[in-house]
Amino acid sequence: MNVLYLLIPLGIVLLALSVWAFFWAVRAGQFDDLDSPSVQILLDDDRAPPPAPPRRPDA
């Protein structure tokens, strides 16, 4: 029964920390655009690939 005196405040602190982290993420823009990153990989890349590095002759 005495363990409740530790677990209840610890639970409240963890809840407050979670709520703070959620609101920080919202203010930081983490949830602004959820759709574009998932389809961005499907878009064509019109840039040319980088040139291959020069080969060294084997000694």
Protein backbone atom coordinates (compact mmCIF):
# COMPACT_ATOMS: atom_id res chain seq x y z
CA MET A 1 0.00 0.00 0.00
CA ASN A 2 2.88 2.37 0.67
CA VAL A 3 4.10 1.92 -2.88
CA LEU A 4 1.08 3.93 -4.08
CA TYR A 5 2.63 7.02 -2.48
CA LEU A 6 5.46 6.61 -4.99
CA LEU A 7 3.57 5.35 -8.05
CA ILE A 8 0.79 7.95 -8.13
CA PRO A 9 3.14 11.00 -8.19
CA LEU A 10 5.41 9.19 -10.63
CA GLY A 11 2.44 8.52 -12.92
CA ILE A 12 1.37 12.17 -12.73
CA VAL A 13 4.89 13.33 -13.56
CA LEU A 14 5.07 10.96 -16.56
CA LEU A 15 1.66 12.14 -17.76
CA ALA A 16 2.71 15.78 -17.49
CA LEU A 17 5.95 15.02 -19.36
CA SER A 18 4.03 13.25 -22.12
CA VAL A 19 1.58 16.12 -22.51
CA TRP A 20 4.46 18.62 -22.62
CA ALA A 21 6.27 16.52 -25.28
CA PHE A 22 3.10 16.34 -27.40
CA PHE A 23 2.52 20.09 -27.33
CA TRP A 24 6.22 20.73 -28.03
CA ALA A 25 6.00 18.48 -31.11
CA VAL A 26 2.87 20.27 -32.33
CA ARG A 27 4.52 23.69 -31.93
CA ALA A 28 7.69 22.44 -33.65
CA GLY A 29 5.71 21.45 -36.73
CA GLN A 30 6.13 17.69 -36.49
CA PHE A 31 2.52 17.07 -37.54
CA ASP A 32 2.22 19.71 -40.27
CA ASP A 33 2.43 17.50 -43.36
CA LEU A 34 1.78 13.80 -42.91
CA ASP A 35 0.93 12.87 -46.51
CA SER A 36 3.74 14.25 -48.68
CA PRO A 37 6.69 12.24 -47.30
CA SER A 38 4.92 8.95 -48.02
CA VAL A 39 4.34 9.76 -51.70
CA GLN A 40 7.49 11.78 -52.31
CA ILE A 41 9.44 8.58 -52.99
CA LEU A 42 7.11 7.86 -55.91
CA LEU A 43 7.85 11.13 -57.69
CA ASP A 44 10.30 11.06 -60.59
CA ASP A 45 13.75 12.39 -59.97
CA ASP A 46 14.78 14.45 -62.99
CA ARG A 47 18.30 15.10 -61.82
CA ALA A 48 21.18 13.23 -63.41
CA PRO A 49 22.96 10.70 -61.21
CA PRO A 50 26.29 11.83 -59.77
CA PRO A 51 29.33 10.89 -61.84
CA ALA A 52 31.14 7.71 -60.88
CA PRO A 53 34.45 8.21 -59.10
CA PRO A 54 37.53 7.65 -61.30
CA ARG A 55 38.94 4.15 -61.14
CA ARG A 56 42.44 3.65 -59.84
CA PRO A 57 44.67 1.42 -61.89
CA ASP A 58 45.66 -1.69 -59.97
CA ALA A 59 49.33 -1.72 -59.13
